[in-house]
Amino acid sequence: MLKLTKDEIAFLRWLWTNGGQASLSGKIKPGSTDRMTSAGYIVADVDADRPGTMRYALTEHGREALGV
């Protein structure tokens, strides 16, 4: 299991409090979600309707990491 940083835990909590999904446009450093994505805590997709925006979704594995 990946040892999450405080920032990664905060990001997962942010997703959870937003119903498990959220979009961001230029608000986080590029690559900052790569570890969580490759570990299966979140999924990330480019938002085709809004250029420069990423959509993030919390996975079941991500919920387990939060204990929710």
Protein backbone atom coordinates (compact mmCIF):
# COMPACT_ATOMS: atom_id res chain seq x y z
CA MET A 1 0.00 0.00 0.00
CA LEU A 2 1.23 3.48 -0.90
CA LYS A 3 2.11 5.77 2.00
CA LEU A 4 0.16 8.91 1.19
CA THR A 5 1.49 12.39 1.88
CA LYS A 6 -0.57 14.95 3.82
CA ASP A 7 -1.34 16.74 0.54
CA GLU A 8 -2.51 13.51 -1.09
CA ILE A 9 -4.78 12.70 1.85
CA ALA A 10 -6.18 16.24 1.70
CA PHE A 11 -6.87 15.79 -2.02
CA LEU A 12 -8.68 12.49 -1.41
CA ARG A 13 -10.75 14.12 1.36
CA TRP A 14 -11.56 17.03 -0.93
CA LEU A 15 -12.83 14.60 -3.57
CA TRP A 16 -14.86 12.71 -0.97
CA THR A 17 -16.50 15.89 0.35
CA ASN A 18 -17.39 16.80 -3.25
CA GLY A 19 -19.33 13.60 -3.76
CA GLY A 20 -16.33 11.62 -5.00
CA GLN A 21 -15.79 13.67 -8.17
CA ALA A 22 -14.42 17.07 -9.06
CA SER A 23 -12.80 19.03 -11.88
CA LEU A 24 -9.74 21.25 -11.67
CA SER A 25 -8.26 23.69 -14.11
CA GLY A 26 -4.64 24.71 -13.49
CA LYS A 27 -4.95 24.61 -9.71
CA ILE A 28 -2.51 21.81 -8.93
CA LYS A 29 1.04 21.08 -9.98
CA PRO A 30 1.35 18.86 -13.04
CA GLY A 31 2.06 15.29 -12.00
CA SER A 32 0.92 15.79 -8.41
CA THR A 33 -1.85 13.19 -8.78
CA ASP A 34 0.24 10.62 -10.68
CA ARG A 35 1.08 8.51 -7.60
CA MET A 36 -2.56 8.35 -6.50
CA THR A 37 -3.70 7.48 -10.02
CA SER A 38 -1.13 4.71 -10.54
CA ALA A 39 -1.89 3.28 -7.07
CA GLY A 40 -5.61 3.18 -7.91
CA TYR A 41 -6.85 5.73 -5.37
CA ILE A 42 -8.28 8.03 -8.05
CA VAL A 43 -8.99 8.08 -11.75
CA ALA A 44 -8.15 11.16 -13.80
CA ASP A 45 -9.44 12.12 -17.23
CA VAL A 46 -9.15 15.15 -19.44
CA ASP A 47 -12.45 17.04 -19.58
CA ALA A 48 -13.20 17.09 -23.32
CA ASP A 49 -15.70 19.94 -22.90
CA ARG A 50 -13.29 22.27 -21.08
CA PRO A 51 -9.72 22.50 -22.40
CA GLY A 52 -7.05 22.50 -19.69
CA THR A 53 -9.40 20.92 -17.15
CA MET A 54 -8.98 17.53 -15.51
CA ARG A 55 -11.76 15.45 -13.98
CA TYR A 56 -10.93 13.38 -10.92
CA ALA A 57 -12.93 10.61 -9.28
CA LEU A 58 -12.30 8.80 -6.02
CA THR A 59 -12.17 5.01 -6.36
CA GLU A 60 -13.24 2.42 -3.82
CA HIS A 61 -9.55 1.94 -3.00
CA GLY A 62 -9.31 5.69 -2.34
CA ARG A 63 -12.33 5.56 -0.01
CA GLU A 64 -10.73 2.67 1.86
CA ALA A 65 -7.55 4.72 2.29
CA LEU A 66 -9.66 7.43 3.93
CA GLY A 67 -11.53 4.93 6.08
CA VAL A 68 -14.94 6.01 4.74
